Amino acid sequence: MNSYKLSKFPVQHTYEISDLSQVGNVVENIVNVYSQTMVRSDFSYRILLPRDPTSNSNLFAKKIGLAIQAELLLSLKKIDIKPRLREIRYIHDERHYGWLFLSENLAEEI
């Protein structure tokens, strides 16, 4: 998949996360929107994570990503919603990793 095409893919909202303390608020917003739009199947969010192009190991971005993934799944489970989402991870630009959360029908369009 072309990273440039993914970075230009239109989404409902983009969050740039640079610290673990932001994860809770971002996940809460995503869960609220997902619970309201899952019937329409047009859910699309992008999360930008910090990327250090000089390092082969971007452990901080991985740590944030795992926290988002775990909290998102737990939050959806708490309100009895089975996630029907696709995730696409890519290099967004020189300073960010991109992570798309898309409803299944939007993911098929890519």
Protein backbone atom coordinates (compact mmCIF):
# COMPACT_ATOMS: atom_id res chain seq x y z
CA MET A 1 0.00 0.00 0.00
CA ASN A 2 1.25 3.46 -0.90
CA SER A 3 2.08 5.52 2.22
CA TYR A 4 1.41 8.77 0.38
CA LYS A 5 -2.06 7.61 -0.60
CA LEU A 6 -2.77 6.53 2.98
CA SER A 7 -1.55 9.83 4.40
CA LYS A 8 -4.02 11.69 2.14
CA PHE A 9 -6.96 9.37 2.81
CA PRO A 10 -9.87 11.51 4.10
CA VAL A 11 -10.88 10.72 7.69
CA GLN A 12 -13.39 12.09 10.17
CA HIS A 13 -10.69 13.16 12.57
CA THR A 14 -6.94 13.00 13.09
CA TYR A 15 -5.28 12.86 16.49
CA GLU A 16 -1.60 13.51 17.03
CA ILE A 17 -0.42 11.77 20.17
CA SER A 18 2.95 12.59 21.64
CA ASP A 19 2.47 11.40 25.22
CA LEU A 20 0.85 8.47 27.01
CA SER A 21 -1.29 10.86 29.05
CA GLN A 22 -3.28 11.71 25.88
CA VAL A 23 -4.35 8.12 25.20
CA GLY A 24 -7.37 8.05 27.53
CA ASN A 25 -9.02 11.14 26.05
CA VAL A 26 -8.37 10.06 22.48
CA VAL A 27 -9.78 6.58 23.07
CA GLU A 28 -12.83 8.02 24.82
CA ASN A 29 -13.54 10.26 21.81
CA ILE A 30 -13.03 7.41 19.36
CA VAL A 31 -15.36 5.10 21.30
CA ASN A 32 -18.07 7.77 21.49
CA VAL A 33 -17.97 8.42 17.76
CA TYR A 34 -17.70 4.73 16.87
CA SER A 35 -20.71 3.82 18.99
CA GLN A 36 -22.76 6.47 17.15
CA THR A 37 -21.56 5.80 13.60
CA MET A 38 -21.01 2.04 13.49
CA VAL A 39 -24.46 1.47 11.96
CA ARG A 40 -23.65 3.81 9.05
CA SER A 41 -20.29 2.07 8.44
CA ASP A 42 -18.45 5.30 7.71
CA PHE A 43 -16.07 5.39 10.67
CA SER A 44 -12.59 6.70 9.86
CA TYR A 45 -9.96 8.01 12.27
CA ARG A 46 -6.24 8.61 11.97
CA ILE A 47 -3.78 8.60 14.80
CA LEU A 48 -0.32 10.07 14.34
CA LEU A 49 2.42 8.69 16.56
CA PRO A 50 5.90 10.17 17.04
CA ARG A 51 8.64 8.84 14.78
CA ASP A 52 12.35 9.39 15.09
CA PRO A 53 13.86 8.91 11.63
CA THR A 54 17.37 8.66 13.12
CA SER A 55 16.48 5.66 15.27
CA ASN A 56 15.86 2.07 14.24
CA SER A 57 13.89 1.55 17.42
CA ASN A 58 10.80 3.63 18.01
CA LEU A 59 9.82 1.99 21.26
CA PHE A 60 7.91 5.04 22.49
CA ALA A 61 5.57 4.97 19.49
CA LYS A 62 5.08 1.23 19.97
CA LYS A 63 4.26 1.76 23.64
CA ILE A 64 1.67 4.42 22.81
CA GLY A 65 0.21 2.22 20.07
CA LEU A 66 -0.17 -0.76 22.38
CA ALA A 67 -1.82 1.45 25.03
CA ILE A 68 -4.30 2.78 22.44
CA GLN A 69 -5.10 -0.67 21.13
CA ALA A 70 -5.62 -2.19 24.59
CA GLU A 71 -7.70 0.69 25.91
CA LEU A 72 -9.82 0.87 22.76
CA LEU A 73 -10.67 -2.85 22.86
CA LEU A 74 -11.39 -2.74 26.59
CA SER A 75 -13.60 0.35 26.27
CA LEU A 76 -15.63 -1.20 23.45
CA LYS A 77 -15.99 -4.45 25.38
CA LYS A 78 -17.28 -2.56 28.44
CA ILE A 79 -20.18 -1.17 26.42
CA ASP A 80 -20.85 -4.48 24.64
CA ILE A 81 -19.75 -3.39 21.19
CA LYS A 82 -17.89 -5.83 18.99
CA PRO A 83 -15.39 -3.83 16.97
CA ARG A 84 -15.74 -4.21 13.23
CA LEU A 85 -12.73 -2.12 12.38
CA ARG A 86 -9.70 -2.48 10.19
CA GLU A 87 -6.36 -1.05 11.20
CA ILE A 88 -3.75 0.11 8.74
CA ARG A 89 -0.35 1.20 9.99
CA TYR A 90 2.01 3.12 7.77
CA ILE A 91 4.74 5.77 7.73
CA HIS A 92 2.81 9.03 7.54
CA ASP A 93 5.73 11.41 7.08
CA GLU A 94 9.27 11.95 8.30
CA ARG A 95 8.16 12.70 11.87
CA HIS A 96 5.07 10.48 12.28
CA TYR A 97 3.75 6.99 11.97
CA GLY A 98 0.16 6.86 10.83
CA TRP A 99 -2.51 4.51 12.05
CA LEU A 100 -5.89 4.38 10.35
CA PHE A 101 -8.95 2.93 12.06
CA LEU A 102 -11.61 2.32 9.42
CA SER A 103 -14.96 0.64 9.17
CA GLU A 104 -14.68 -2.55 7.16
CA ASN A 105 -16.35 -1.18 4.03
CA LEU A 106 -14.04 1.85 3.90
CA ALA A 107 -11.00 -0.39 4.33
CA GLU A 108 -12.11 -2.46 1.36
CA GLU A 109 -12.17 0.67 -0.81
CA ILE A 110 -8.46 1.26 -0.27
